[in-house]
């Protein structure tokens, strides 16, 4: 093959390859959709919902500026444990 013929063949092959890459369209994934209204979220829980929050009496703050952090239920090995509320000094830069 001559050099000119080889160049023409190479340019044609590259051009054909590039033009074919735009023709491929992947099928839509069954779990993802471009339509946000079609989104469905399913959450499965192996344990029941936590009990109602406990009523706590925080009492007076230990010092001026301290804030009360409410208690909460935490799930540990399938069992809910109550973490009591506490007074905490505000972090610098917070409101």
PDB file of N, CA and C in Angstrom:
ATOM      1  N   UNK A   1       0.837  -1.178   0.000  1.00  0.00           N
ATOM      2  CA  UNK A   1       0.000   0.000   0.000  1.00  0.00           C
ATOM      3  C   UNK A   1       0.878   1.236   0.000  1.00  0.00           C
ATOM      4  N   UNK A   2       0.397   2.215  -0.687  1.00  0.00           N
ATOM      5  CA  UNK A   2       1.160   3.456  -0.697  1.00  0.00           C
ATOM      6  C   UNK A   2       0.851   4.237   0.572  1.00  0.00           C
ATOM      7  N   UNK A   3       1.703   5.173   0.852  1.00  0.00           N
ATOM      8  CA  UNK A   3       1.540   5.992   2.058  1.00  0.00           C
ATOM      9  C   UNK A   3       0.216   6.760   2.005  1.00  0.00           C
ATOM     10  N   UNK A   4      -0.141   7.298   0.865  1.00  0.00           N
ATOM     11  CA  UNK A   4      -1.379   8.073   0.709  1.00  0.00           C
ATOM     12  C   UNK A   4      -2.603   7.164   0.922  1.00  0.00           C
ATOM     13  N   UNK A   5      -2.559   5.976   0.402  1.00  0.00           N
ATOM     14  CA  UNK A   5      -3.664   5.022   0.545  1.00  0.00           C
ATOM     15  C   UNK A   5      -3.807   4.590   2.007  1.00  0.00           C
ATOM     16  N   UNK A   6      -2.679   4.391   2.684  1.00  0.00           N
ATOM     17  CA  UNK A   6      -2.688   4.000   4.085  1.00  0.00           C
ATOM     18  C   UNK A   6      -3.288   5.116   4.948  1.00  0.00           C
ATOM     19  N   UNK A   7      -2.933   6.374   4.660  1.00  0.00           N
ATOM     20  CA  UNK A   7      -3.484   7.505   5.391  1.00  0.00           C
ATOM     21  C   UNK A   7      -4.994   7.611   5.185  1.00  0.00           C
ATOM     22  N   UNK A   8      -5.437   7.430   3.970  1.00  0.00           N
ATOM     23  CA  UNK A   8      -6.865   7.504   3.663  1.00  0.00           C
ATOM     24  C   UNK A   8      -7.627   6.400   4.385  1.00  0.00           C
ATOM     25  N   UNK A   9      -7.083   5.205   4.393  1.00  0.00           N
ATOM     26  CA  UNK A   9      -7.725   4.079   5.071  1.00  0.00           C
ATOM     27  C   UNK A   9      -7.799   4.333   6.575  1.00  0.00           C
ATOM     28  N   UNK A  10      -6.730   4.837   7.146  1.00  0.00           N
ATOM     29  CA  UNK A  10      -6.693   5.112   8.575  1.00  0.00           C
ATOM     30  C   UNK A  10      -7.695   6.206   8.952  1.00  0.00           C
ATOM     31  N   UNK A  11      -7.745   7.276   8.190  1.00  0.00           N
ATOM     32  CA  UNK A  11      -8.680   8.376   8.464  1.00  0.00           C
ATOM     33  C   UNK A  11     -10.122   7.879   8.327  1.00  0.00           C
ATOM     34  N   UNK A  12     -10.379   7.047   7.331  1.00  0.00           N
ATOM     35  CA  UNK A  12     -11.723   6.502   7.131  1.00  0.00           C
ATOM     36  C   UNK A  12     -12.115   5.600   8.297  1.00  0.00           C
ATOM     37  N   UNK A  13     -11.205   4.763   8.754  1.00  0.00           N
ATOM     38  CA  UNK A  13     -11.489   3.850   9.866  1.00  0.00           C
ATOM     39  C   UNK A  13     -11.747   4.629  11.156  1.00  0.00           C
ATOM     40  N   UNK A  14     -10.941   5.631  11.435  1.00  0.00           N
ATOM     41  CA  UNK A  14     -11.134   6.442  12.646  1.00  0.00           C
ATOM     42  C   UNK A  14     -12.451   7.202  12.555  1.00  0.00           C
ATOM     43  N   UNK A  15     -12.745   7.786  11.411  1.00  0.00           N
ATOM     44  CA  UNK A  15     -13.995   8.518  11.232  1.00  0.00           C
ATOM     45  C   UNK A  15     -15.206   7.618  11.381  1.00  0.00           C
ATOM     46  N   UNK A  16     -15.135   6.429  10.818  1.00  0.00           N
ATOM     47  CA  UNK A  16     -16.239   5.476  10.937  1.00  0.00           C
ATOM     48  C   UNK A  16     -16.417   5.048  12.394  1.00  0.00           C
ATOM     49  N   UNK A  17     -15.314   4.795  13.089  1.00  0.00           N
ATOM     50  CA  UNK A  17     -15.386   4.398  14.499  1.00  0.00           C
ATOM     51  C   UNK A  17     -15.993   5.496  15.357  1.00  0.00           C
ATOM     52  N   UNK A  18     -15.601   6.732  15.120  1.00  0.00           N
ATOM     53  CA  UNK A  18     -16.148   7.848  15.888  1.00  0.00           C
ATOM     54  C   UNK A  18     -17.620   8.077  15.587  1.00  0.00           C
ATOM     55  N   UNK A  19     -18.012   7.898  14.360  1.00  0.00           N
ATOM     56  CA  UNK A  19     -19.421   8.119  14.019  1.00  0.00           C
ATOM     57  C   UNK A  19     -20.309   7.027  14.598  1.00  0.00           C
ATOM     58  N   UNK A  20     -19.790   5.825  14.744  1.00  0.00           N
ATOM     59  CA  UNK A  20     -20.589   4.730  15.296  1.00  0.00           C
ATOM     60  C   UNK A  20     -20.749   4.834  16.811  1.00  0.00           C
ATOM     61  N   UNK A  21     -19.812   5.505  17.499  1.00  0.00           N
ATOM     62  CA  UNK A  21     -19.932   5.593  18.954  1.00  0.00           C
ATOM     63  C   UNK A  21     -21.152   6.400  19.362  1.00  0.00           C
ATOM     64  N   UNK A  22     -21.597   7.339  18.559  1.00  0.00           N
ATOM     65  CA  UNK A  22     -22.779   8.122  18.880  1.00  0.00           C
ATOM     66  C   UNK A  22     -24.075   7.366  18.637  1.00  0.00           C
ATOM     67  N   UNK A  23     -24.029   6.225  17.988  1.00  0.00           N
ATOM     68  CA  UNK A  23     -25.234   5.465  17.665  1.00  0.00           C
ATOM     69  C   UNK A  23     -25.660   4.544  18.797  1.00  0.00           C
ATOM     70  N   UNK A  24     -24.791   4.259  19.735  1.00  0.00           N
ATOM     71  CA  UNK A  24     -25.123   3.326  20.811  1.00  0.00           C
ATOM     72  C   UNK A  24     -25.934   4.029  21.884  1.00  0.00           C
ATOM     73  N   UNK A  25     -26.981   3.396  22.315  1.00  0.00           N
ATOM     74  CA  UNK A  25     -27.801   3.940  23.394  1.00  0.00           C
ATOM     75  C   UNK A  25     -28.035   2.811  24.385  1.00  0.00           C
ATOM     76  N   UNK A  26     -27.599   3.032  25.622  1.00  0.00           N
ATOM     77  CA  UNK A  26     -27.766   1.975  26.620  1.00  0.00           C
ATOM     78  C   UNK A  26     -29.207   1.947  27.100  1.00  0.00           C
ATOM     79  N   UNK A  27     -29.724   0.767  27.420  1.00  0.00           N
ATOM     80  CA  UNK A  27     -31.087   0.697  27.933  1.00  0.00           C
ATOM     81  C   UNK A  27     -31.170   1.364  29.297  1.00  0.00           C
ATOM     82  N   UNK A  28     -32.329   1.894  29.625  1.00  0.00           N
ATOM     83  CA  UNK A  28     -32.498   2.564  30.913  1.00  0.00           C
ATOM     84  C   UNK A  28     -32.406   1.538  32.023  1.00  0.00           C
ATOM     85  N   UNK A  29     -31.634   1.871  33.044  1.00  0.00           N
ATOM     86  CA  UNK A  29     -31.464   0.963  34.177  1.00  0.00           C
ATOM     87  C   UNK A  29     -32.793   0.860  34.907  1.00  0.00           C
ATOM     88  N   UNK A  30     -33.202  -0.329  35.321  1.00  0.00           N
ATOM     89  CA  UNK A  30     -34.513  -0.477  35.958  1.00  0.00           C
ATOM     90  C   UNK A  30     -34.650   0.258  37.288  1.00  0.00           C
ATOM     91  N   UNK A  31     -33.534   0.578  37.949  1.00  0.00           N
ATOM     92  CA  UNK A  31     -33.617   1.227  39.249  1.00  0.00           C
ATOM     93  C   UNK A  31     -33.445   2.738  39.184  1.00  0.00           C
ATOM     94  N   UNK A  32     -33.065   3.246  38.040  1.00  0.00           N
ATOM     95  CA  UNK A  32     -32.847   4.673  37.906  1.00  0.00           C
ATOM     96  C   UNK A  32     -33.716   5.207  36.774  1.00  0.00           C
ATOM     97  N   UNK A  33     -34.221   6.386  36.943  1.00  0.00           N
ATOM     98  CA  UNK A  33     -35.074   6.987  35.933  1.00  0.00           C
ATOM     99  C   UNK A  33     -34.746   8.459  35.827  1.00  0.00           C
ATOM    100  N   UNK A  34     -34.866   9.000  34.612  1.00  0.00           N
ATOM    101  CA  UNK A  34     -34.642  10.432  34.435  1.00  0.00           C
ATOM    102  C   UNK A  34     -35.884  11.213  34.851  1.00  0.00           C
ATOM    103  N   UNK A  35     -36.974  10.515  35.145  1.00  0.00           N
ATOM    104  CA  UNK A  35     -38.211  11.158  35.571  1.00  0.00           C
ATOM    105  C   UNK A  35     -38.286  11.133  37.091  1.00  0.00           C
ATOM    106  N   UNK A  36     -38.105  12.301  37.776  1.00  0.00           N
ATOM    107  CA  UNK A  36     -38.120  12.294  39.241  1.00  0.00           C
ATOM    108  C   UNK A  36     -39.466  11.873  39.826  1.00  0.00           C
ATOM    109  N   UNK A  37     -40.557  12.053  39.082  1.00  0.00           N
ATOM    110  CA  UNK A  37     -41.871  11.658  39.596  1.00  0.00           C
ATOM    111  C   UNK A  37     -42.003  10.139  39.658  1.00  0.00           C
ATOM    112  N   UNK A  38     -41.169   9.430  38.897  1.00  0.00           N
ATOM    113  CA  UNK A  38     -41.247   7.973  38.863  1.00  0.00           C
ATOM    114  C   UNK A  38     -40.392   7.328  39.951  1.00  0.00           C
ATOM    115  N   UNK A  39     -39.667   8.139  40.704  1.00  0.00           N
ATOM    116  CA  UNK A  39     -38.779   7.588  41.730  1.00  0.00           C
ATOM    117  C   UNK A  39     -39.595   6.986  42.870  1.00  0.00           C
ATOM    118  N   UNK A  40     -39.190   5.792  43.269  1.00  0.00           N
ATOM    119  CA  UNK A  40     -39.842   5.107  44.382  1.00  0.00           C
ATOM    120  C   UNK A  40     -38.753   4.684  45.344  1.00  0.00           C
ATOM    121  N   UNK A  41     -38.906   5.030  46.604  1.00  0.00           N
ATOM    122  CA  UNK A  41     -37.920   4.657  47.614  1.00  0.00           C
ATOM    123  C   UNK A  41     -38.589   3.691  48.574  1.00  0.00           C
ATOM    124  N   UNK A  42     -37.971   2.542  48.747  1.00  0.00           N
ATOM    125  CA  UNK A  42     -38.502   1.534  49.657  1.00  0.00           C
ATOM    126  C   UNK A  42     -37.479   1.322  50.750  1.00  0.00           C
ATOM    127  N   UNK A  43     -37.891   1.549  51.975  1.00  0.00           N
ATOM    128  CA  UNK A  43     -36.998   1.345  53.116  1.00  0.00           C
ATOM    129  C   UNK A  43     -37.489   0.139  53.895  1.00  0.00           C
ATOM    130  N   UNK A  44     -36.604  -0.809  54.062  1.00  0.00           N
ATOM    131  CA  UNK A  44     -36.952  -1.994  54.820  1.00  0.00           C
ATOM    132  C   UNK A  44     -36.286  -1.907  56.184  1.00  0.00           C
ATOM    133  N   UNK A  45     -37.030  -2.214  57.200  1.00  0.00           N
ATOM    134  CA  UNK A  45     -36.494  -2.153  58.549  1.00  0.00           C
ATOM    135  C   UNK A  45     -36.611  -3.529  59.187  1.00  0.00           C
ATOM    136  N   UNK A  46     -35.516  -3.990  59.757  1.00  0.00           N
ATOM    137  CA  UNK A  46     -35.525  -5.292  60.415  1.00  0.00           C
ATOM    138  C   UNK A  46     -36.065  -5.186  61.832  1.00  0.00           C
ATOM    139  N   UNK A  47     -36.230  -3.971  62.327  1.00  0.00           N
ATOM    140  CA  UNK A  47     -36.700  -3.808  63.693  1.00  0.00           C
ATOM    141  C   UNK A  47     -37.876  -2.824  63.716  1.00  0.00           C
ATOM    142  N   UNK A  48     -38.685  -2.894  64.752  1.00  0.00           N
ATOM    143  CA  UNK A  48     -39.820  -1.969  64.842  1.00  0.00           C
ATOM    144  C   UNK A  48     -39.348  -0.539  65.099  1.00  0.00           C
ATOM    145  N   UNK A  49     -40.273   0.397  64.950  1.00  0.00           N
ATOM    146  CA  UNK A  49     -39.958   1.805  65.203  1.00  0.00           C
ATOM    147  C   UNK A  49     -39.563   1.992  66.665  1.00  0.00           C
ATOM    148  N   UNK A  50     -38.764   3.010  66.963  1.00  0.00           N
ATOM    149  CA  UNK A  50     -38.350   3.235  68.349  1.00  0.00           C
ATOM    150  C   UNK A  50     -39.540   3.652  69.209  1.00  0.00           C
ATOM    151  N   UNK A  51     -39.434   3.438  70.511  1.00  0.00           N
ATOM    152  CA  UNK A  51     -40.494   3.896  71.414  1.00  0.00           C
ATOM    153  C   UNK A  51     -40.578   5.420  71.401  1.00  0.00           C
ATOM    154  N   UNK A  52     -41.632   5.942  71.994  1.00  0.00           N
ATOM    155  CA  UNK A  52     -41.784   7.399  72.095  1.00  0.00           C
ATOM    156  C   UNK A  52     -40.649   7.969  72.939  1.00  0.00           C
ATOM    157  N   UNK A  53     -40.290   9.211  72.641  1.00  0.00           N
ATOM    158  CA  UNK A  53     -39.223   9.860  73.406  1.00  0.00           C
ATOM    159  C   UNK A  53     -39.618   9.960  74.874  1.00  0.00           C
ATOM    160  N   UNK A  54     -38.646   9.847  75.739  1.00  0.00           N
ATOM    161  CA  UNK A  54     -38.908   9.957  77.177  1.00  0.00           C
ATOM    162  C   UNK A  54     -39.004  11.417  77.582  1.00  0.00           C
ATOM    163  N   UNK A  55     -39.833  11.660  78.570  1.00  0.00           N
ATOM    164  CA  UNK A  55     -39.972  13.018  79.115  1.00  0.00           C
ATOM    165  C   UNK A  55     -38.801  13.251  80.071  1.00  0.00           C
ATOM    166  N   UNK A  56     -38.041  14.312  79.841  1.00  0.00           N
ATOM    167  CA  UNK A  56     -36.889  14.602  80.694  1.00  0.00           C
ATOM    168  C   UNK A  56     -37.024  15.999  81.299  1.00  0.00           C
ATOM    169  N   UNK A  57     -36.546  16.147  82.490  1.00  0.00           N
ATOM    170  CA  UNK A  57     -36.496  17.455  83.150  1.00  0.00           C
ATOM    171  C   UNK A  57     -35.039  17.881  83.209  1.00  0.00           C
ATOM    172  N   UNK A  58     -34.649  18.816  82.348  1.00  0.00           N
ATOM    173  CA  UNK A  58     -33.244  19.167  82.302  1.00  0.00           C
ATOM    174  C   UNK A  58     -32.695  19.836  83.546  1.00  0.00           C
ATOM    175  N   UNK A  59     -33.534  20.491  84.318  1.00  0.00           N
ATOM    176  CA  UNK A  59     -33.001  21.197  85.485  1.00  0.00           C
ATOM    177  C   UNK A  59     -32.237  22.427  85.042  1.00  0.00           C
ATOM    178  N   UNK A  60     -31.631  23.103  85.984  1.00  0.00           N
ATOM    179  CA  UNK A  60     -30.919  24.337  85.626  1.00  0.00           C
ATOM    180  C   UNK A  60     -29.620  24.041  84.877  1.00  0.00           C
ATOM    181  N   UNK A  61     -29.244  24.978  84.018  1.00  0.00           N
ATOM    182  CA  UNK A  61     -27.990  24.838  83.273  1.00  0.00           C
ATOM    183  C   UNK A  61     -26.812  24.915  84.227  1.00  0.00           C
ATOM    184  N   UNK A  62     -25.737  24.158  83.971  1.00  0.00           N
ATOM    185  CA  UNK A  62     -24.579  24.192  84.861  1.00  0.00           C
ATOM    186  C   UNK A  62     -23.833  25.523  84.832  1.00  0.00           C
ATOM    187  N   UNK A  63     -23.963  26.251  83.721  1.00  0.00           N
ATOM    188  CA  UNK A  63     -23.317  27.566  83.606  1.00  0.00           C
ATOM    189  C   UNK A  63     -24.065  28.356  82.541  1.00  0.00           C
ATOM    190  N   UNK A  64     -23.879  29.650  82.561  1.00  0.00           N
ATOM    191  CA  UNK A  64     -24.541  30.514  81.574  1.00  0.00           C
ATOM    192  C   UNK A  64     -24.085  30.144  80.166  1.00  0.00           C
ATOM    193  N   UNK A  65     -25.042  30.120  79.218  1.00  0.00           N
ATOM    194  CA  UNK A  65     -24.702  29.844  77.827  1.00  0.00           C
ATOM    195  C   UNK A  65     -24.804  28.382  77.431  1.00  0.00           C
ATOM    196  N   UNK A  66     -24.930  27.468  78.408  1.00  0.00           N
ATOM    197  CA  UNK A  66     -25.030  26.051  78.065  1.00  0.00           C
ATOM    198  C   UNK A  66     -26.374  25.783  77.387  1.00  0.00           C
ATOM    199  N   UNK A  67     -26.407  24.784  76.487  1.00  0.00           N
ATOM    200  CA  UNK A  67     -27.640  24.424  75.781  1.00  0.00           C
ATOM    201  C   UNK A  67     -28.013  22.980  76.100  1.00  0.00           C
ATOM    202  N   UNK A  68     -29.322  22.703  76.119  1.00  0.00           N
ATOM    203  CA  UNK A  68     -29.821  21.361  76.407  1.00  0.00           C
ATOM    204  C   UNK A  68     -29.917  20.565  75.119  1.00  0.00           C
ATOM    205  N   UNK A  69     -29.327  19.373  75.086  1.00  0.00           N
ATOM    206  CA  UNK A  69     -29.410  18.442  73.959  1.00  0.00           C
ATOM    207  C   UNK A  69     -30.377  17.344  74.381  1.00  0.00           C
ATOM    208  N   UNK A  70     -31.503  17.187  73.650  1.00  0.00           N
ATOM    209  CA  UNK A  70     -32.511  16.180  74.003  1.00  0.00           C
ATOM    210  C   UNK A  70     -31.945  14.762  73.927  1.00  0.00           C
ATOM    211  N   UNK A  71     -32.519  13.887  74.741  1.00  0.00           N
ATOM    212  CA  UNK A  71     -32.166  12.474  74.688  1.00  0.00           C
ATOM    213  C   UNK A  71     -32.759  11.810  73.449  1.00  0.00           C
ATOM    214  N   UNK A  72     -32.295  10.618  73.119  1.00  0.00           N
ATOM    215  CA  UNK A  72     -32.772   9.929  71.921  1.00  0.00           C
ATOM    216  C   UNK A  72     -32.599   8.416  72.069  1.00  0.00           C
ATOM    217  N   UNK A  73     -33.351   7.680  71.270  1.00  0.00           N
ATOM    218  CA  UNK A  73     -33.238   6.225  71.213  1.00  0.00           C
ATOM    219  C   UNK A  73     -32.201   5.874  70.165  1.00  0.00           C
ATOM    220  N   UNK A  74     -31.298   4.956  70.475  1.00  0.00           N
ATOM    221  CA  UNK A  74     -30.344   4.461  69.481  1.00  0.00           C
ATOM    222  C   UNK A  74     -30.518   2.951  69.365  1.00  0.00           C
ATOM    223  N   UNK A  75     -30.366   2.448  68.164  1.00  0.00           N
ATOM    224  CA  UNK A  75     -30.538   1.024  67.890  1.00  0.00           C
ATOM    225  C   UNK A  75     -29.190   0.328  67.984  1.00  0.00           C
ATOM    226  N   UNK A  76     -29.114  -0.685  68.831  1.00  0.00           N
ATOM    227  CA  UNK A  76     -27.868  -1.425  69.017  1.00  0.00           C
ATOM    228  C   UNK A  76     -28.184  -2.918  69.043  1.00  0.00           C
ATOM    229  N   UNK A  77     -27.723  -3.635  68.027  1.00  0.00           N
ATOM    230  CA  UNK A  77     -27.952  -5.083  67.910  1.00  0.00           C
ATOM    231  C   UNK A  77     -29.436  -5.439  68.006  1.00  0.00           C
ATOM    232  N   UNK A  78     -30.279  -4.672  67.306  1.00  0.00           N
ATOM    233  CA  UNK A  78     -31.702  -4.956  67.271  1.00  0.00           C
ATOM    234  C   UNK A  78     -32.463  -4.522  68.510  1.00  0.00           C
ATOM    235  N   UNK A  79     -31.818  -3.817  69.415  1.00  0.00           N
ATOM    236  CA  UNK A  79     -32.464  -3.376  70.654  1.00  0.00           C
ATOM    237  C   UNK A  79     -32.291  -1.872  70.802  1.00  0.00           C
ATOM    238  N   UNK A  80     -33.354  -1.184  71.215  1.00  0.00           N
ATOM    239  CA  UNK A  80     -33.274   0.257  71.404  1.00  0.00           C
ATOM    240  C   UNK A  80     -32.779   0.579  72.816  1.00  0.00           C
ATOM    241  N   UNK A  81     -31.810   1.487  72.864  1.00  0.00           N
ATOM    242  CA  UNK A  81     -31.264   1.959  74.140  1.00  0.00           C
ATOM    243  C   UNK A  81     -31.472   3.468  74.213  1.00  0.00           C
ATOM    244  N   UNK A  82     -31.879   3.941  75.388  1.00  0.00           N
ATOM    245  CA  UNK A  82     -32.097   5.368  75.577  1.00  0.00           C
ATOM    246  C   UNK A  82     -30.790   6.060  75.941  1.00  0.00           C
ATOM    247  N   UNK A  83     -30.478   7.117  75.212  1.00  0.00           N
ATOM    248  CA  UNK A  83     -29.340   7.967  75.535  1.00  0.00           C
ATOM    249  C   UNK A  83     -29.926   9.235  76.147  1.00  0.00           C
ATOM    250  N   UNK A  84     -29.665   9.480  77.431  1.00  0.00           N
ATOM    251  CA  UNK A  84     -30.295  10.627  78.093  1.00  0.00           C
ATOM    252  C   UNK A  84     -29.794  11.962  77.554  1.00  0.00           C
ATOM    253  N   UNK A  85     -30.649  12.995  77.723  1.00  0.00           N
ATOM    254  CA  UNK A  85     -30.269  14.340  77.319  1.00  0.00           C
ATOM    255  C   UNK A  85     -29.141  14.864  78.197  1.00  0.00           C
ATOM    256  N   UNK A  86     -28.531  15.961  77.743  1.00  0.00           N
ATOM    257  CA  UNK A  86     -27.389  16.495  78.491  1.00  0.00           C
ATOM    258  C   UNK A  86     -27.237  17.990  78.221  1.00  0.00           C
ATOM    259  N   UNK A  87     -26.589  18.650  79.139  1.00  0.00           N
ATOM    260  CA  UNK A  87     -26.217  20.041  78.946  1.00  0.00           C
ATOM    261  C   UNK A  87     -24.876  20.075  78.241  1.00  0.00           C
ATOM    262  N   UNK A  88     -24.710  20.993  77.311  1.00  0.00           N
ATOM    263  CA  UNK A  88     -23.453  21.088  76.603  1.00  0.00           C
ATOM    264  C   UNK A  88     -23.088  22.550  76.375  1.00  0.00           C
ATOM    265  N   UNK A  89     -21.797  22.841  76.466  1.00  0.00           N
ATOM    266  CA  UNK A  89     -21.328  24.196  76.172  1.00  0.00           C
ATOM    267  C   UNK A  89     -21.428  24.404  74.669  1.00  0.00           C
ATOM    268  N   UNK A  90     -21.874  25.582  74.220  1.00  0.00           N
ATOM    269  CA  UNK A  90     -21.982  25.808  72.781  1.00  0.00           C
ATOM    270  C   UNK A  90     -20.610  25.766  72.115  1.00  0.00           C
ATOM    271  N   UNK A  91     -20.596  25.269  70.904  1.00  0.00           N
ATOM    272  CA  UNK A  91     -19.339  25.206  70.125  1.00  0.00           C
ATOM    273  C   UNK A  91     -19.021  26.592  69.596  1.00  0.00           C
ATOM    274  N   UNK A  92     -17.750  26.848  69.447  1.00  0.00           N
ATOM    275  CA  UNK A  92     -17.345  28.180  68.962  1.00  0.00           C
ATOM    276  C   UNK A  92     -17.879  28.402  67.553  1.00  0.00           C
ATOM    277  N   UNK A  93     -18.402  29.570  67.316  1.00  0.00           N
ATOM    278  CA  UNK A  93     -18.936  29.911  65.997  1.00  0.00           C
ATOM    279  C   UNK A  93     -20.375  29.492  65.793  1.00  0.00           C
ATOM    280  N   UNK A  94     -20.984  28.797  66.758  1.00  0.00           N
ATOM    281  CA  UNK A  94     -22.383  28.367  66.594  1.00  0.00           C
ATOM    282  C   UNK A  94     -23.318  29.392  67.199  1.00  0.00           C
ATOM    283  N   UNK A  95     -24.583  29.317  66.832  1.00  0.00           N
ATOM    284  CA  UNK A  95     -25.597  30.240  67.367  1.00  0.00           C
ATOM    285  C   UNK A  95     -26.583  29.463  68.191  1.00  0.00           C
TER     286      UNK A  95
END
